[in-house]
Amino acid sequence: MLIGFVDAPPYSFLDRNQQPAGQLIDVFKVIATELKLTPEFIYVPHKRQLAFIEQGMVDLWAGQKDSRVSSDLALTSEKPLFVMELSVFWPDGGIPVGSFEHLKGKHLILISSYSYGGRFEALVNGAANVSYAINHEDALDKLHQFPAAYMLGYSSITKQLQQKYQLDAVKQHALDRIPLFAKLSTQFANAEQTIIEINAVLASLESQ
């Protein structure tokens, strides 16, 4: 089974030995073991994630229920792999924001491969202007470049970069908690039966 992952520590990343590691990788290993499949992890660049999926280059990956991947390309698990906290970040001294509504008319920094719980288009359409980033690291770089901007990202990932990016000078507010689901390519052999088996594994993990 070909399992695609992006660089999103602590969920998924390459360790010092260039091996896949993280919470997401661990869950996928459990799923593969329970299904008696051999996992082969493939690092997928953020910018090419959708292309990898559309071309059938990965069998399994993580995504939001209402992602930009069409339902004819992927089956979605019933239960989430885990839940991520979506937050807005801004430099100390900036005007505080406490909701998605407050982001309208602002300069936003968005990670281009994320759907933000299906809000990506609404965020873009409501913004005064948008700077696109390829990952959280790139987004934090841009936040230092644009002191009047607001960055949207996931709290646990951003905390991993706290020391490098001096986040003590950055304010944040949690906007939402977004579940991340297992996504299975419809091109995978016996895909409909396999997603049923994945659901059973995730239900078992939840009960532990």
N, C-alpha and C. Protein backbone atom coordinates (compact mmCIF):
# COMPACT_ATOMS: atom_id res chain seq x y z
N MET A 1 0.85 -1.20 0.00
CA MET A 1 0.00 0.00 0.00
C MET A 1 0.88 1.25 0.00
N LEU A 2 0.66 2.14 -0.94
CA LEU A 2 1.42 3.38 -1.05
C LEU A 2 0.72 4.47 -0.22
N ILE A 3 1.40 4.94 0.80
CA ILE A 3 0.81 5.92 1.72
C ILE A 3 1.52 7.26 1.55
N GLY A 4 0.79 8.26 1.13
CA GLY A 4 1.36 9.58 0.91
C GLY A 4 1.30 10.43 2.17
N PHE A 5 2.34 11.22 2.40
CA PHE A 5 2.34 12.13 3.54
C PHE A 5 3.08 13.41 3.18
N VAL A 6 2.68 14.49 3.83
CA VAL A 6 3.33 15.79 3.63
C VAL A 6 4.16 16.12 4.86
N ASP A 7 4.99 17.14 4.75
CA ASP A 7 5.81 17.58 5.87
C ASP A 7 4.95 18.42 6.79
N ALA A 8 4.44 17.81 7.87
CA ALA A 8 3.57 18.50 8.82
C ALA A 8 3.82 17.99 10.23
N PRO A 9 5.03 18.27 10.78
CA PRO A 9 5.33 17.82 12.14
C PRO A 9 4.38 18.47 13.15
N PRO A 10 3.93 17.78 14.19
CA PRO A 10 4.37 16.44 14.61
C PRO A 10 3.56 15.30 14.00
N TYR A 11 2.67 15.61 13.05
CA TYR A 11 1.83 14.57 12.46
C TYR A 11 2.60 13.67 11.50
N SER A 12 3.36 14.28 10.60
CA SER A 12 4.15 13.50 9.65
C SER A 12 5.35 14.31 9.20
N PHE A 13 6.50 13.65 9.15
CA PHE A 13 7.73 14.33 8.76
C PHE A 13 8.82 13.29 8.54
N LEU A 14 9.97 13.71 8.01
CA LEU A 14 11.12 12.84 7.86
C LEU A 14 12.06 13.08 9.05
N ASP A 15 12.45 12.00 9.74
CA ASP A 15 13.32 12.16 10.90
C ASP A 15 14.77 12.34 10.47
N ARG A 16 15.69 12.32 11.43
CA ARG A 16 17.11 12.55 11.13
C ARG A 16 17.68 11.52 10.15
N ASN A 17 17.09 10.34 10.14
CA ASN A 17 17.54 9.28 9.24
C ASN A 17 16.75 9.26 7.94
N GLN A 18 15.97 10.34 7.71
CA GLN A 18 15.15 10.47 6.51
C GLN A 18 14.09 9.37 6.41
N GLN A 19 13.61 8.95 7.60
CA GLN A 19 12.54 7.97 7.66
C GLN A 19 11.24 8.65 8.10
N PRO A 20 10.09 8.21 7.57
CA PRO A 20 8.82 8.82 7.96
C PRO A 20 8.53 8.61 9.44
N ALA A 21 8.07 9.64 10.11
CA ALA A 21 7.78 9.56 11.54
C ALA A 21 6.63 10.50 11.87
N GLY A 22 6.07 10.34 13.08
CA GLY A 22 5.01 11.22 13.52
C GLY A 22 3.73 10.48 13.84
N GLN A 23 2.78 11.19 14.45
CA GLN A 23 1.52 10.61 14.89
C GLN A 23 0.74 9.99 13.73
N LEU A 24 0.69 10.69 12.62
CA LEU A 24 -0.04 10.18 11.46
C LEU A 24 0.61 8.91 10.92
N ILE A 25 1.93 8.90 10.84
CA ILE A 25 2.66 7.73 10.34
C ILE A 25 2.38 6.53 11.23
N ASP A 26 2.37 6.74 12.55
CA ASP A 26 2.12 5.65 13.49
C ASP A 26 0.73 5.04 13.28
N VAL A 27 -0.27 5.89 13.10
CA VAL A 27 -1.64 5.39 12.88
C VAL A 27 -1.72 4.62 11.57
N PHE A 28 -1.09 5.12 10.53
CA PHE A 28 -1.12 4.43 9.24
C PHE A 28 -0.40 3.08 9.33
N LYS A 29 0.65 2.99 10.13
CA LYS A 29 1.34 1.71 10.31
C LYS A 29 0.42 0.70 10.98
N VAL A 30 -0.35 1.15 11.96
CA VAL A 30 -1.31 0.27 12.63
C VAL A 30 -2.36 -0.22 11.64
N ILE A 31 -2.88 0.70 10.83
CA ILE A 31 -3.90 0.34 9.84
C ILE A 31 -3.35 -0.70 8.87
N ALA A 32 -2.15 -0.47 8.35
CA ALA A 32 -1.55 -1.40 7.39
C ALA A 32 -1.33 -2.77 8.02
N THR A 33 -0.87 -2.79 9.27
CA THR A 33 -0.64 -4.06 9.97
C THR A 33 -1.94 -4.83 10.15
N GLU A 34 -2.98 -4.13 10.59
CA GLU A 34 -4.28 -4.78 10.81
C GLU A 34 -4.87 -5.31 9.51
N LEU A 35 -4.59 -4.62 8.40
CA LEU A 35 -5.11 -5.05 7.09
C LEU A 35 -4.18 -6.04 6.41
N LYS A 36 -3.06 -6.37 7.12
CA LYS A 36 -2.06 -7.31 6.58
C LYS A 36 -1.50 -6.82 5.24
N LEU A 37 -1.22 -5.51 5.20
CA LEU A 37 -0.64 -4.89 4.02
C LEU A 37 0.73 -4.32 4.38
N THR A 38 1.61 -4.26 3.41
CA THR A 38 2.93 -3.68 3.63
C THR A 38 2.90 -2.20 3.28
N PRO A 39 3.13 -1.31 4.26
CA PRO A 39 3.07 0.13 3.96
C PRO A 39 4.36 0.62 3.29
N GLU A 40 4.20 1.40 2.25
CA GLU A 40 5.33 2.07 1.62
C GLU A 40 5.02 3.56 1.64
N PHE A 41 5.76 4.30 2.46
CA PHE A 41 5.48 5.72 2.64
C PHE A 41 6.17 6.56 1.58
N ILE A 42 5.39 7.49 1.03
CA ILE A 42 5.88 8.36 -0.04
C ILE A 42 5.72 9.82 0.38
N TYR A 43 6.83 10.55 0.45
CA TYR A 43 6.75 11.97 0.76
C TYR A 43 6.17 12.71 -0.43
N VAL A 44 5.13 13.49 -0.18
CA VAL A 44 4.44 14.22 -1.24
C VAL A 44 4.61 15.73 -1.00
N PRO A 45 5.28 16.44 -1.90
CA PRO A 45 5.40 17.89 -1.74
C PRO A 45 4.02 18.55 -1.69
N HIS A 46 3.85 19.56 -0.84
CA HIS A 46 2.56 20.22 -0.69
C HIS A 46 1.97 20.65 -2.03
N LYS A 47 2.80 21.26 -2.87
CA LYS A 47 2.30 21.79 -4.14
C LYS A 47 1.82 20.71 -5.10
N ARG A 48 2.29 19.47 -4.91
CA ARG A 48 1.96 18.40 -5.85
C ARG A 48 1.02 17.36 -5.24
N GLN A 49 0.50 17.65 -4.05
CA GLN A 49 -0.34 16.67 -3.36
C GLN A 49 -1.55 16.26 -4.20
N LEU A 50 -2.28 17.24 -4.71
CA LEU A 50 -3.47 16.94 -5.50
C LEU A 50 -3.11 16.19 -6.77
N ALA A 51 -2.00 16.54 -7.40
CA ALA A 51 -1.58 15.85 -8.63
C ALA A 51 -1.26 14.39 -8.34
N PHE A 52 -0.60 14.10 -7.23
CA PHE A 52 -0.29 12.72 -6.85
C PHE A 52 -1.58 11.92 -6.70
N ILE A 53 -2.59 12.53 -6.07
CA ILE A 53 -3.87 11.85 -5.85
C ILE A 53 -4.59 11.61 -7.17
N GLU A 54 -4.68 12.65 -7.99
CA GLU A 54 -5.39 12.53 -9.26
C GLU A 54 -4.75 11.51 -10.20
N GLN A 55 -3.43 11.37 -10.12
CA GLN A 55 -2.72 10.44 -10.99
C GLN A 55 -2.62 9.04 -10.40
N GLY A 56 -3.24 8.81 -9.24
CA GLY A 56 -3.23 7.50 -8.63
C GLY A 56 -1.87 7.07 -8.12
N MET A 57 -1.03 8.04 -7.73
CA MET A 57 0.33 7.72 -7.28
C MET A 57 0.39 7.39 -5.80
N VAL A 58 -0.72 7.56 -5.07
CA VAL A 58 -0.81 7.16 -3.67
C VAL A 58 -2.13 6.43 -3.46
N ASP A 59 -2.13 5.49 -2.51
CA ASP A 59 -3.34 4.72 -2.20
C ASP A 59 -4.07 5.29 -0.98
N LEU A 60 -3.30 5.75 -0.01
CA LEU A 60 -3.88 6.20 1.25
C LEU A 60 -3.18 7.48 1.71
N TRP A 61 -3.97 8.40 2.26
CA TRP A 61 -3.40 9.65 2.78
C TRP A 61 -4.38 10.23 3.79
N ALA A 62 -4.04 11.34 4.40
CA ALA A 62 -4.91 11.99 5.38
C ALA A 62 -5.48 13.26 4.78
N GLY A 63 -6.73 13.55 5.10
CA GLY A 63 -7.35 14.77 4.59
C GLY A 63 -8.61 15.10 5.36
N GLN A 64 -9.13 16.28 5.12
CA GLN A 64 -10.36 16.70 5.75
C GLN A 64 -11.56 16.13 4.99
N LYS A 65 -12.66 15.98 5.70
CA LYS A 65 -13.85 15.36 5.07
C LYS A 65 -14.29 16.15 3.85
N ASP A 66 -14.32 17.47 3.96
CA ASP A 66 -14.72 18.32 2.84
C ASP A 66 -13.48 18.92 2.17
N SER A 67 -12.62 18.06 1.66
CA SER A 67 -11.39 18.53 1.02
C SER A 67 -11.66 18.85 -0.44
N ARG A 68 -10.63 19.33 -1.13
CA ARG A 68 -10.77 19.66 -2.55
C ARG A 68 -10.59 18.45 -3.45
N VAL A 69 -10.44 17.26 -2.85
CA VAL A 69 -10.36 16.02 -3.62
C VAL A 69 -11.77 15.51 -3.86
N SER A 70 -12.16 15.31 -5.10
CA SER A 70 -13.53 14.90 -5.42
C SER A 70 -13.82 13.50 -4.93
N SER A 71 -15.11 13.22 -4.68
CA SER A 71 -15.52 11.93 -4.12
C SER A 71 -15.29 10.77 -5.07
N ASP A 72 -15.14 11.04 -6.36
CA ASP A 72 -14.87 9.94 -7.29
C ASP A 72 -13.40 9.52 -7.26
N LEU A 73 -12.56 10.29 -6.57
CA LEU A 73 -11.14 9.94 -6.45
C LEU A 73 -10.81 9.27 -5.13
N ALA A 74 -11.65 9.49 -4.10
CA ALA A 74 -11.30 8.98 -2.78
C ALA A 74 -12.52 8.59 -1.96
N LEU A 75 -12.34 7.57 -1.12
CA LEU A 75 -13.32 7.18 -0.11
C LEU A 75 -12.79 7.71 1.22
N THR A 76 -13.69 8.16 2.07
CA THR A 76 -13.30 8.78 3.34
C THR A 76 -13.72 7.92 4.52
N SER A 77 -12.84 7.78 5.51
CA SER A 77 -13.17 6.99 6.69
C SER A 77 -14.30 7.65 7.48
N GLU A 78 -15.04 6.83 8.23
CA GLU A 78 -16.13 7.36 9.03
C GLU A 78 -15.62 8.10 10.26
N LYS A 79 -14.55 7.60 10.84
CA LYS A 79 -13.99 8.19 12.04
C LYS A 79 -12.67 8.88 11.71
N PRO A 80 -12.35 9.95 12.41
CA PRO A 80 -11.10 10.67 12.12
C PRO A 80 -9.87 9.96 12.66
N LEU A 81 -8.73 10.26 12.04
CA LEU A 81 -7.45 9.78 12.55
C LEU A 81 -7.11 10.53 13.83
N PHE A 82 -7.35 11.84 13.84
CA PHE A 82 -7.21 12.69 15.02
C PHE A 82 -7.78 14.06 14.67
N VAL A 83 -7.76 14.96 15.64
CA VAL A 83 -8.35 16.29 15.47
C VAL A 83 -7.26 17.35 15.58
N MET A 84 -7.26 18.30 14.65
CA MET A 84 -6.29 19.38 14.66
C MET A 84 -6.96 20.70 15.07
N GLU A 85 -6.22 21.53 15.81
CA GLU A 85 -6.74 22.83 16.21
C GLU A 85 -6.28 23.89 15.22
N LEU A 86 -7.23 24.52 14.55
CA LEU A 86 -6.92 25.58 13.59
C LEU A 86 -6.91 26.92 14.31
N SER A 87 -5.83 27.67 14.15
CA SER A 87 -5.68 28.96 14.83
C SER A 87 -5.27 30.05 13.85
N VAL A 88 -5.49 31.28 14.25
CA VAL A 88 -5.00 32.42 13.49
C VAL A 88 -3.84 33.03 14.29
N PHE A 89 -2.79 33.43 13.60
CA PHE A 89 -1.59 34.00 14.24
C PHE A 89 -1.33 35.39 13.67
N TRP A 90 -0.85 36.29 14.54
CA TRP A 90 -0.49 37.63 14.09
C TRP A 90 0.64 38.17 14.98
N PRO A 91 1.45 39.07 14.44
CA PRO A 91 2.56 39.64 15.23
C PRO A 91 2.05 40.42 16.43
N ASP A 92 2.83 40.38 17.51
CA ASP A 92 2.50 41.15 18.71
C ASP A 92 2.36 42.63 18.34
N GLY A 93 1.29 43.24 18.79
CA GLY A 93 1.03 44.64 18.46
C GLY A 93 -0.02 44.79 17.40
N GLY A 94 -0.34 43.68 16.71
CA GLY A 94 -1.39 43.73 15.69
C GLY A 94 -2.78 43.75 16.32
N ILE A 95 -3.78 44.03 15.51
CA ILE A 95 -5.17 44.07 16.00
C ILE A 95 -5.66 42.64 16.23
N PRO A 96 -6.10 42.30 17.44
CA PRO A 96 -6.56 40.94 17.72
C PRO A 96 -7.79 40.57 16.88
N VAL A 97 -7.88 39.30 16.51
CA VAL A 97 -9.07 38.78 15.84
C VAL A 97 -9.53 37.54 16.60
N GLY A 98 -10.85 37.33 16.64
CA GLY A 98 -11.37 36.22 17.42
C GLY A 98 -12.30 35.30 16.68
N SER A 99 -12.50 35.54 15.37
CA SER A 99 -13.40 34.69 14.60
C SER A 99 -13.05 34.78 13.11
N PHE A 100 -13.62 33.88 12.33
CA PHE A 100 -13.42 33.93 10.88
C PHE A 100 -13.98 35.21 10.30
N GLU A 101 -15.05 35.71 10.89
CA GLU A 101 -15.68 36.94 10.41
C GLU A 101 -14.70 38.12 10.52
N HIS A 102 -13.88 38.13 11.57
CA HIS A 102 -12.93 39.21 11.78
C HIS A 102 -11.79 39.22 10.75
N LEU A 103 -11.66 38.11 10.00
CA LEU A 103 -10.57 38.02 9.02
C LEU A 103 -10.94 38.68 7.68
N LYS A 104 -12.20 39.02 7.51
CA LYS A 104 -12.62 39.65 6.26
C LYS A 104 -11.95 41.02 6.11
N GLY A 105 -11.46 41.27 4.91
CA GLY A 105 -10.81 42.53 4.63
C GLY A 105 -9.38 42.62 5.12
N LYS A 106 -8.84 41.51 5.60
CA LYS A 106 -7.47 41.49 6.13
C LYS A 106 -6.51 40.87 5.10
N HIS A 107 -5.23 41.12 5.30
CA HIS A 107 -4.17 40.45 4.52
C HIS A 107 -3.95 39.09 5.17
N LEU A 108 -4.25 38.01 4.43
CA LEU A 108 -4.14 36.66 4.98
C LEU A 108 -2.93 35.92 4.40
N ILE A 109 -2.35 35.07 5.20
CA ILE A 109 -1.31 34.15 4.75
C ILE A 109 -1.89 32.75 4.86
N LEU A 110 -2.08 32.09 3.72
CA LEU A 110 -2.72 30.79 3.68
C LEU A 110 -1.79 29.75 3.08
N ILE A 111 -1.83 28.55 3.63
CA ILE A 111 -1.06 27.44 3.07
C ILE A 111 -1.87 26.86 1.91
N SER A 112 -1.32 26.91 0.73
CA SER A 112 -2.09 26.65 -0.49
C SER A 112 -2.66 25.24 -0.61
N SER A 113 -2.07 24.25 0.06
CA SER A 113 -2.56 22.88 -0.07
C SER A 113 -3.64 22.54 0.95
N TYR A 114 -3.99 23.46 1.85
CA TYR A 114 -4.99 23.19 2.88
C TYR A 114 -6.36 23.74 2.49
N SER A 115 -7.41 23.04 2.92
CA SER A 115 -8.77 23.53 2.65
C SER A 115 -9.34 24.30 3.83
N TYR A 116 -8.67 24.22 4.99
CA TYR A 116 -9.13 24.89 6.22
C TYR A 116 -10.58 24.55 6.53
N GLY A 117 -10.86 23.24 6.52
CA GLY A 117 -12.22 22.80 6.85
C GLY A 117 -13.24 23.22 5.81
N GLY A 118 -12.81 23.30 4.55
CA GLY A 118 -13.71 23.71 3.47
C GLY A 118 -13.90 25.21 3.36
N ARG A 119 -13.08 25.98 4.04
CA ARG A 119 -13.24 27.45 4.07
C ARG A 119 -12.29 28.18 3.13
N PHE A 120 -11.44 27.46 2.41
CA PHE A 120 -10.38 28.10 1.64
C PHE A 120 -10.91 29.18 0.70
N GLU A 121 -11.89 28.86 -0.12
CA GLU A 121 -12.40 29.84 -1.10
C GLU A 121 -13.04 31.04 -0.41
N ALA A 122 -13.79 30.80 0.67
CA ALA A 122 -14.43 31.91 1.39
C ALA A 122 -13.38 32.82 2.01
N LEU A 123 -12.31 32.25 2.52
CA LEU A 123 -11.24 33.06 3.10
C LEU A 123 -10.58 33.92 2.03
N VAL A 124 -10.30 33.32 0.87
CA VAL A 124 -9.67 34.05 -0.23
C VAL A 124 -10.59 35.17 -0.72
N ASN A 125 -11.85 34.84 -0.91
CA ASN A 125 -12.80 35.83 -1.44
C ASN A 125 -13.05 36.99 -0.48
N GLY A 126 -12.92 36.74 0.82
CA GLY A 126 -13.19 37.79 1.79
C GLY A 126 -11.97 38.61 2.17
N ALA A 127 -10.79 38.16 1.76
CA ALA A 127 -9.56 38.84 2.15
C ALA A 127 -9.28 40.08 1.29
N ALA A 128 -8.59 41.04 1.87
CA ALA A 128 -8.14 42.19 1.09
C ALA A 128 -7.06 41.75 0.12
N ASN A 129 -6.16 40.90 0.57
CA ASN A 129 -5.15 40.27 -0.29
C ASN A 129 -4.65 39.01 0.42
N VAL A 130 -4.04 38.13 -0.38
CA VAL A 130 -3.60 36.83 0.14
C VAL A 130 -2.16 36.56 -0.28
N SER A 131 -1.36 36.12 0.66
CA SER A 131 -0.02 35.60 0.36
C SER A 131 -0.06 34.10 0.58
N TYR A 132 0.35 33.34 -0.42
CA TYR A 132 0.27 31.88 -0.33
C TYR A 132 1.60 31.30 0.14
N ALA A 133 1.51 30.28 0.99
CA ALA A 133 2.69 29.59 1.52
C ALA A 133 2.59 28.11 1.19
N ILE A 134 3.73 27.42 1.16
CA ILE A 134 3.72 25.99 0.83
C ILE A 134 3.61 25.12 2.08
N ASN A 135 3.96 25.67 3.25
CA ASN A 135 3.84 24.93 4.50
C ASN A 135 3.89 25.93 5.66
N HIS A 136 3.83 25.41 6.89
CA HIS A 136 3.82 26.29 8.06
C HIS A 136 5.11 27.09 8.19
N GLU A 137 6.23 26.47 7.85
CA GLU A 137 7.51 27.16 7.94
C GLU A 137 7.54 28.37 7.01
N ASP A 138 7.09 28.15 5.78
CA ASP A 138 7.04 29.23 4.80
C ASP A 138 6.04 30.31 5.25
N ALA A 139 4.92 29.87 5.83
CA ALA A 139 3.90 30.82 6.30
C ALA A 139 4.44 31.72 7.41
N LEU A 140 5.20 31.13 8.34
CA LEU A 140 5.77 31.93 9.42
C LEU A 140 6.83 32.89 8.91
N ASP A 141 7.57 32.48 7.89
CA ASP A 141 8.51 33.39 7.24
C ASP A 141 7.77 34.61 6.71
N LYS A 142 6.65 34.36 6.05
CA LYS A 142 5.87 35.46 5.46
C LYS A 142 5.23 36.33 6.54
N LEU A 143 4.88 35.73 7.69
CA LEU A 143 4.28 36.52 8.76
C LEU A 143 5.27 37.55 9.28
N HIS A 144 6.55 37.22 9.29
CA HIS A 144 7.57 38.19 9.69
C HIS A 144 7.80 39.24 8.60
N GLN A 145 7.54 38.89 7.37
CA GLN A 145 7.70 39.84 6.26
C GLN A 145 6.55 40.84 6.21
N PHE A 146 5.35 40.40 6.62
CA PHE A 146 4.15 41.25 6.53
C PHE A 146 3.56 41.43 7.93
N PRO A 147 4.00 42.41 8.69
CA PRO A 147 3.58 42.60 10.08
C PRO A 147 2.10 42.90 10.26
N ALA A 148 1.40 43.29 9.19
CA ALA A 148 -0.03 43.56 9.31
C ALA A 148 -0.88 42.38 8.86
N ALA A 149 -0.25 41.24 8.59
CA ALA A 149 -0.96 40.08 8.05
C ALA A 149 -1.40 39.12 9.16
N TYR A 150 -2.28 38.19 8.79
CA TYR A 150 -2.78 37.16 9.69
C TYR A 150 -2.57 35.79 9.04
N MET A 151 -1.92 34.91 9.74
CA MET A 151 -1.62 33.59 9.21
C MET A 151 -2.58 32.55 9.80
N LEU A 152 -3.08 31.66 8.95
CA LEU A 152 -3.90 30.56 9.42
C LEU A 152 -3.09 29.27 9.39
N GLY A 153 -3.05 28.58 10.52
CA GLY A 153 -2.29 27.34 10.60
C GLY A 153 -2.77 26.48 11.74
N TYR A 154 -2.16 25.31 11.88
CA TYR A 154 -2.56 24.37 12.91
C TYR A 154 -1.62 24.48 14.11
N SER A 155 -2.22 24.59 15.30
CA SER A 155 -1.49 24.96 16.51
C SER A 155 -0.33 24.03 16.83
N SER A 156 -0.56 22.70 16.81
CA SER A 156 0.49 21.78 17.22
C SER A 156 1.66 21.79 16.25
N ILE A 157 1.40 22.02 14.95
CA ILE A 157 2.48 22.10 13.98
C ILE A 157 3.30 23.36 14.23
N THR A 158 2.61 24.47 14.44
CA THR A 158 3.28 25.75 14.63
C THR A 158 4.14 25.74 15.90
N LYS A 159 3.66 25.06 16.95
CA LYS A 159 4.42 25.00 18.20
C LYS A 159 5.77 24.33 18.01
N GLN A 160 5.84 23.40 17.03
CA GLN A 160 7.11 22.74 16.76
C GLN A 160 8.17 23.72 16.26
N LEU A 161 7.69 24.84 15.70
CA LEU A 161 8.60 25.82 15.11
C LEU A 161 8.80 27.03 16.03
N GLN A 162 8.29 26.93 17.26
CA GLN A 162 8.26 28.09 18.15
C GLN A 162 9.64 28.70 18.40
N GLN A 163 10.62 27.86 18.70
CA GLN A 163 11.94 28.39 19.01
C GLN A 163 12.59 29.03 17.80
N LYS A 164 12.47 28.36 16.65
CA LYS A 164 13.11 28.88 15.44
C LYS A 164 12.52 30.22 15.02
N TYR A 165 11.20 30.38 15.20
CA TYR A 165 10.54 31.58 14.69
C TYR A 165 10.15 32.58 15.78
N GLN A 166 10.66 32.38 16.99
CA GLN A 166 10.44 33.34 18.08
C GLN A 166 8.96 33.67 18.24
N LEU A 167 8.16 32.63 18.45
CA LEU A 167 6.71 32.82 18.51
C LEU A 167 6.24 33.48 19.80
N ASP A 168 7.18 33.78 20.71
CA ASP A 168 6.78 34.55 21.88
C ASP A 168 6.35 35.95 21.47
N ALA A 169 6.73 36.37 20.26
CA ALA A 169 6.34 37.68 19.74
C ALA A 169 5.14 37.57 18.81
N VAL A 170 4.49 36.39 18.81
CA VAL A 170 3.34 36.16 17.94
C VAL A 170 2.13 35.79 18.79
N LYS A 171 1.00 36.43 18.52
CA LYS A 171 -0.24 36.13 19.22
C LYS A 171 -1.05 35.12 18.42
N GLN A 172 -1.94 34.38 19.10
CA GLN A 172 -2.77 33.43 18.38
C GLN A 172 -4.12 33.28 19.05
N HIS A 173 -5.09 32.83 18.25
CA HIS A 173 -6.42 32.56 18.77
C HIS A 173 -6.97 31.32 18.06
N ALA A 174 -7.46 30.35 18.82
CA ALA A 174 -8.03 29.13 18.24
C ALA A 174 -9.39 29.44 17.60
N LEU A 175 -9.54 29.03 16.35
CA LEU A 175 -10.77 29.31 15.61
C LEU A 175 -11.67 28.08 15.48
N ASP A 176 -11.07 26.90 15.41
CA ASP A 176 -11.87 25.70 15.15
C ASP A 176 -11.05 24.46 15.45
N ARG A 177 -11.71 23.34 15.64
CA ARG A 177 -11.07 22.04 15.76
C ARG A 177 -11.51 21.20 14.57
N ILE A 178 -10.56 20.76 13.77
CA ILE A 178 -10.87 20.11 12.51
C ILE A 178 -10.38 18.67 12.50
N PRO A 179 -11.30 17.70 12.34
CA PRO A 179 -10.89 16.30 12.28
C PRO A 179 -10.21 15.97 10.95
N LEU A 180 -9.20 15.11 11.03
CA LEU A 180 -8.46 14.67 9.85
C LEU A 180 -8.77 13.19 9.63
N PHE A 181 -9.23 12.85 8.42
CA PHE A 181 -9.71 11.52 8.12
C PHE A 181 -8.74 10.75 7.22
N ALA A 182 -8.89 9.43 7.22
CA ALA A 182 -8.15 8.59 6.27
C ALA A 182 -8.85 8.68 4.91
N LYS A 183 -8.07 8.87 3.86
CA LYS A 183 -8.59 8.95 2.50
C LYS A 183 -8.00 7.80 1.69
N LEU A 184 -8.84 7.02 1.05
CA LEU A 184 -8.41 5.86 0.28
C LEU A 184 -8.76 6.07 -1.19
N SER A 185 -7.77 5.89 -2.06
CA SER A 185 -8.01 6.05 -3.50
C SER A 185 -9.03 5.03 -4.00
N THR A 186 -9.96 5.50 -4.81
CA THR A 186 -10.95 4.59 -5.41
C THR A 186 -10.30 3.65 -6.41
N GLN A 187 -9.06 3.93 -6.80
CA GLN A 187 -8.34 3.05 -7.72
C GLN A 187 -7.67 1.88 -7.00
N PHE A 188 -7.65 1.91 -5.67
CA PHE A 188 -7.04 0.83 -4.91
C PHE A 188 -7.88 -0.43 -5.02
N ALA A 189 -7.24 -1.58 -5.13
CA ALA A 189 -7.95 -2.85 -5.30
C ALA A 189 -8.90 -3.09 -4.12
N ASN A 190 -10.16 -3.46 -4.43
CA ASN A 190 -11.18 -3.71 -3.40
C ASN A 190 -11.32 -2.52 -2.45
N ALA A 191 -11.35 -1.32 -3.03
CA ALA A 191 -11.37 -0.09 -2.23
C ALA A 191 -12.56 -0.04 -1.27
N GLU A 192 -13.76 -0.43 -1.71
CA GLU A 192 -14.93 -0.32 -0.85
C GLU A 192 -14.83 -1.25 0.36
N GLN A 193 -14.30 -2.46 0.17
CA GLN A 193 -14.12 -3.36 1.30
C GLN A 193 -12.99 -2.88 2.21
N THR A 194 -11.95 -2.31 1.60
CA THR A 194 -10.80 -1.84 2.38
C THR A 194 -11.18 -0.69 3.29
N ILE A 195 -12.01 0.24 2.82
CA ILE A 195 -12.39 1.37 3.67
C ILE A 195 -13.25 0.88 4.85
N ILE A 196 -14.03 -0.19 4.64
CA ILE A 196 -14.80 -0.78 5.74
C ILE A 196 -13.84 -1.32 6.81
N GLU A 197 -12.76 -1.96 6.35
CA GLU A 197 -11.78 -2.51 7.27
C GLU A 197 -11.01 -1.39 8.00
N ILE A 198 -10.73 -0.31 7.28
CA ILE A 198 -10.07 0.84 7.92
C ILE A 198 -10.99 1.44 8.98
N ASN A 199 -12.28 1.53 8.69
CA ASN A 199 -13.23 2.04 9.68
C ASN A 199 -13.23 1.19 10.94
N ALA A 200 -13.14 -0.12 10.77
CA ALA A 200 -13.13 -1.02 11.92
C ALA A 200 -11.87 -0.81 12.77
N VAL A 201 -10.74 -0.60 12.11
CA VAL A 201 -9.49 -0.37 12.84
C VAL A 201 -9.57 0.94 13.63
N LEU A 202 -10.07 2.01 13.00
CA LEU A 202 -10.17 3.30 13.68
C LEU A 202 -11.17 3.25 14.84
N ALA A 203 -12.25 2.46 14.69
CA ALA A 203 -13.22 2.31 15.77
C ALA A 203 -12.58 1.57 16.94
N SER A 204 -11.74 0.60 16.62
CA SER A 204 -11.04 -0.16 17.67
C SER A 204 -10.05 0.74 18.42
N LEU A 205 -9.32 1.57 17.68
CA LEU A 205 -8.37 2.49 18.31
C LEU A 205 -9.07 3.49 19.22
N GLU A 206 -10.24 3.94 18.77
CA GLU A 206 -11.01 4.93 19.55
C GLU A 206 -11.46 4.35 20.88
N SER A 207 -11.75 3.05 20.90
CA SER A 207 -12.28 2.42 22.11
C SER A 207 -11.20 2.05 23.11
N GLN A 208 -9.92 2.14 22.69
CA GLN A 208 -8.82 1.76 23.57
C GLN A 208 -8.53 2.84 24.61
